[in-house]
Amino acid sequence: MMLDVTAMGQSFQKIVFNGTTGYMSAQGQKKDFTPEEAKEYAEQARMTEELDYLSAGYKIELKGIEKVDNEDAYMIEVTRPSGGKVNEYYQVKSGLKVKSEQVDEEGTQTTYYLDYKPGAGNLMYPNLIKQNMGPQMMELKFQSVEINTNVSEDMFK
């Protein structure tokens, strides 16, 4: 998995995971993953982590229906095999994920998934993701979604 967030032609944040080890870099600083972080990224590196919920040691529990942007959404508590927990919200009408909340010792990180459109492989992708970064809300707008294009082994070093 490689995620490179760029702004105005410059890399803002880069996450690289080769299936075993990886690192995160931002603003010229690079941090290698701890073994715990590598285990967590191994779980998250799948294109559709949700498809593994029933077969890969995840614990899921339907907590009820709540409103997200005035629409009913199923609220599901997910416990990852690594022990991390996340609450995910899936719109009742469409079945698409519209929100997730990850709670850890640093606080709650809330992510909203908006403006779904068909993308690579005819899968539906959110074209707008809003995520809190401390007191600020950051917006990620996608220009394109590409899967396995121009991939080389050197990208994961």
Protein backbone atom coordinates (compact mmCIF):
# COMPACT_ATOMS: atom_id res chain seq x y z
CA MET A 1 0.00 0.00 0.00
CA MET A 2 1.22 3.46 -0.81
CA LEU A 3 -0.67 6.65 -0.11
CA ASP A 4 0.86 9.93 -1.22
CA VAL A 5 -1.10 13.07 -0.37
CA THR A 6 0.12 15.99 -2.46
CA ALA A 7 -0.77 19.66 -2.50
CA MET A 8 0.49 22.14 -5.06
CA GLY A 9 2.89 19.53 -6.49
CA GLN A 10 4.55 18.69 -3.18
CA SER A 11 4.13 15.59 -1.01
CA PHE A 12 2.29 16.57 2.17
CA GLN A 13 2.14 13.08 3.68
CA LYS A 14 3.30 9.70 2.44
CA ILE A 15 2.50 6.28 3.86
CA VAL A 16 4.31 3.23 2.49
CA PHE A 17 3.66 -0.37 3.58
CA ASN A 18 5.14 -3.37 1.78
CA GLY A 19 3.08 -6.04 3.55
CA THR A 20 5.58 -6.48 6.38
CA THR A 21 7.19 -3.13 7.23
CA GLY A 22 6.60 0.48 6.35
CA TYR A 23 6.96 4.12 7.21
CA MET A 24 5.18 7.45 7.27
CA SER A 25 6.79 10.70 6.16
CA ALA A 26 5.53 14.24 6.48
CA GLN A 27 7.23 17.62 6.15
CA GLY A 28 10.64 16.05 5.60
CA GLN A 29 10.50 13.74 8.61
CA LYS A 30 10.32 9.96 8.25
CA LYS A 31 9.13 7.52 10.92
CA ASP A 32 9.36 3.75 10.54
CA PHE A 33 6.37 1.74 11.72
CA THR A 34 6.55 0.00 15.07
CA PRO A 35 5.59 -3.71 15.00
CA GLU A 36 2.14 -2.74 16.32
CA GLU A 37 1.67 -0.12 13.58
CA ALA A 38 2.80 -2.63 10.92
CA LYS A 39 0.19 -5.11 12.17
CA GLU A 40 -2.51 -2.42 12.01
CA TYR A 41 -1.50 -1.36 8.49
CA ALA A 42 -1.52 -5.01 7.38
CA GLU A 43 -5.22 -5.02 8.32
CA GLN A 44 -5.94 -1.68 6.66
CA ALA A 45 -3.92 -2.23 3.46
CA ARG A 46 -6.70 -4.21 1.82
CA MET A 47 -8.75 -2.37 -0.79
CA THR A 48 -11.94 -3.38 0.98
CA GLU A 49 -11.19 -4.23 4.60
CA GLU A 50 -14.92 -4.67 5.23
CA LEU A 51 -15.03 -7.79 3.05
CA ASP A 52 -12.79 -9.55 5.59
CA TYR A 53 -14.88 -8.74 8.66
CA LEU A 54 -16.57 -12.14 8.79
CA SER A 55 -13.53 -14.27 7.93
CA ALA A 56 -10.39 -12.66 9.38
CA GLY A 57 -10.94 -12.47 13.13
CA TYR A 58 -12.86 -9.19 13.30
CA LYS A 59 -15.64 -8.83 15.85
CA ILE A 60 -18.61 -6.82 14.58
CA GLU A 61 -21.70 -5.76 16.45
CA LEU A 62 -24.72 -3.83 15.18
CA LYS A 63 -25.35 -1.11 17.74
CA GLY A 64 -28.45 0.41 16.14
CA ILE A 65 -29.53 3.08 13.69
CA GLU A 66 -28.41 6.69 14.06
CA LYS A 67 -28.75 9.84 11.96
CA VAL A 68 -25.78 10.92 9.84
CA ASP A 69 -26.50 14.09 7.84
CA ASN A 70 -30.25 13.62 8.46
CA GLU A 71 -30.18 10.10 6.95
CA ASP A 72 -30.60 6.82 8.82
CA ALA A 73 -27.35 4.85 9.11
CA TYR A 74 -26.54 1.49 10.67
CA MET A 75 -23.95 1.96 13.42
CA ILE A 76 -21.57 -1.00 13.63
CA GLU A 77 -18.83 -1.40 16.23
CA VAL A 78 -15.81 -3.15 14.70
CA THR A 79 -13.01 -4.64 16.79
CA ARG A 80 -9.95 -5.41 14.68
CA PRO A 81 -7.84 -8.52 15.29
CA SER A 82 -5.09 -6.16 16.54
CA GLY A 83 -7.52 -4.88 19.20
CA GLY A 84 -8.29 -1.45 17.74
CA LYS A 85 -11.94 -0.38 17.67
CA VAL A 86 -13.84 1.74 15.19
CA ASN A 87 -17.51 2.67 14.85
CA GLU A 88 -18.69 2.62 11.25
CA TYR A 89 -21.91 4.05 9.86
CA TYR A 90 -23.55 2.69 6.69
CA GLN A 91 -26.45 4.55 5.10
CA VAL A 92 -29.60 2.41 5.31
CA LYS A 93 -30.84 3.51 1.88
CA SER A 94 -27.64 2.99 -0.16
CA GLY A 95 -25.53 0.66 2.01
CA LEU A 96 -22.51 2.97 1.52
CA LYS A 97 -20.20 3.88 4.42
CA VAL A 98 -20.86 7.50 5.35
CA LYS A 99 -18.92 7.93 8.59
CA SER A 100 -16.35 6.27 10.83
CA GLU A 101 -15.15 7.11 14.33
CA GLN A 102 -11.90 5.72 15.66
CA VAL A 103 -11.31 6.16 19.37
CA ASP A 104 -7.86 5.73 20.92
CA GLU A 105 -5.74 7.25 23.67
CA GLU A 106 -5.23 10.40 21.57
CA GLY A 107 -8.97 11.04 21.21
CA THR A 108 -11.64 10.48 18.58
CA GLN A 109 -10.94 10.80 14.87
CA THR A 110 -14.11 11.21 12.82
CA THR A 111 -14.17 10.70 9.06
CA TYR A 112 -17.09 11.45 6.72
CA TYR A 113 -17.35 9.84 3.27
CA LEU A 114 -19.28 11.94 0.73
CA ASP A 115 -20.07 12.32 -2.96
CA TYR A 116 -19.77 8.67 -4.05
CA LYS A 117 -19.11 8.02 -7.73
CA PRO A 118 -18.07 4.94 -9.73
CA GLY A 119 -14.31 4.65 -10.07
CA ALA A 120 -11.68 2.06 -10.94
CA GLY A 121 -13.10 -1.43 -11.26
CA ASN A 122 -16.67 -0.04 -11.24
CA LEU A 123 -16.49 0.28 -7.46
CA MET A 124 -18.12 3.23 -5.74
CA TYR A 125 -15.62 5.65 -4.17
CA PRO A 126 -16.20 8.73 -2.04
CA ASN A 127 -14.90 11.73 -3.94
CA LEU A 128 -14.85 13.85 -0.80
CA ILE A 129 -13.57 12.78 2.61
CA LYS A 130 -13.78 15.09 5.60
CA GLN A 131 -11.63 14.23 8.60
CA ASN A 132 -10.95 16.02 11.85
CA MET A 133 -7.33 16.80 12.63
CA GLY A 134 -7.53 18.07 16.20
CA PRO A 135 -9.88 21.06 16.20
CA GLN A 136 -9.73 21.46 12.40
CA MET A 137 -11.75 19.65 9.73
CA MET A 138 -9.64 18.68 6.72
CA GLU A 139 -11.23 18.03 3.32
CA LEU A 140 -9.73 15.57 0.86
CA LYS A 141 -11.10 15.94 -2.67
CA PHE A 142 -10.19 13.23 -5.14
CA GLN A 143 -9.42 14.02 -8.75
CA SER A 144 -9.05 10.35 -9.67
CA VAL A 145 -8.84 6.89 -8.15
CA GLU A 146 -6.32 4.53 -9.72
CA ILE A 147 -5.59 0.96 -8.71
CA ASN A 148 -2.22 -0.66 -9.44
CA THR A 149 -1.16 1.75 -12.19
CA ASN A 150 2.55 2.35 -12.79
CA VAL A 151 3.49 0.15 -9.82
CA SER A 152 7.12 -0.80 -9.22
CA GLU A 153 8.93 -2.53 -6.36
CA ASP A 154 10.99 0.63 -5.76
CA MET A 155 7.86 2.49 -4.63
CA PHE A 156 7.74 0.39 -1.46
CA LYS A 157 11.29 0.99 -0.25
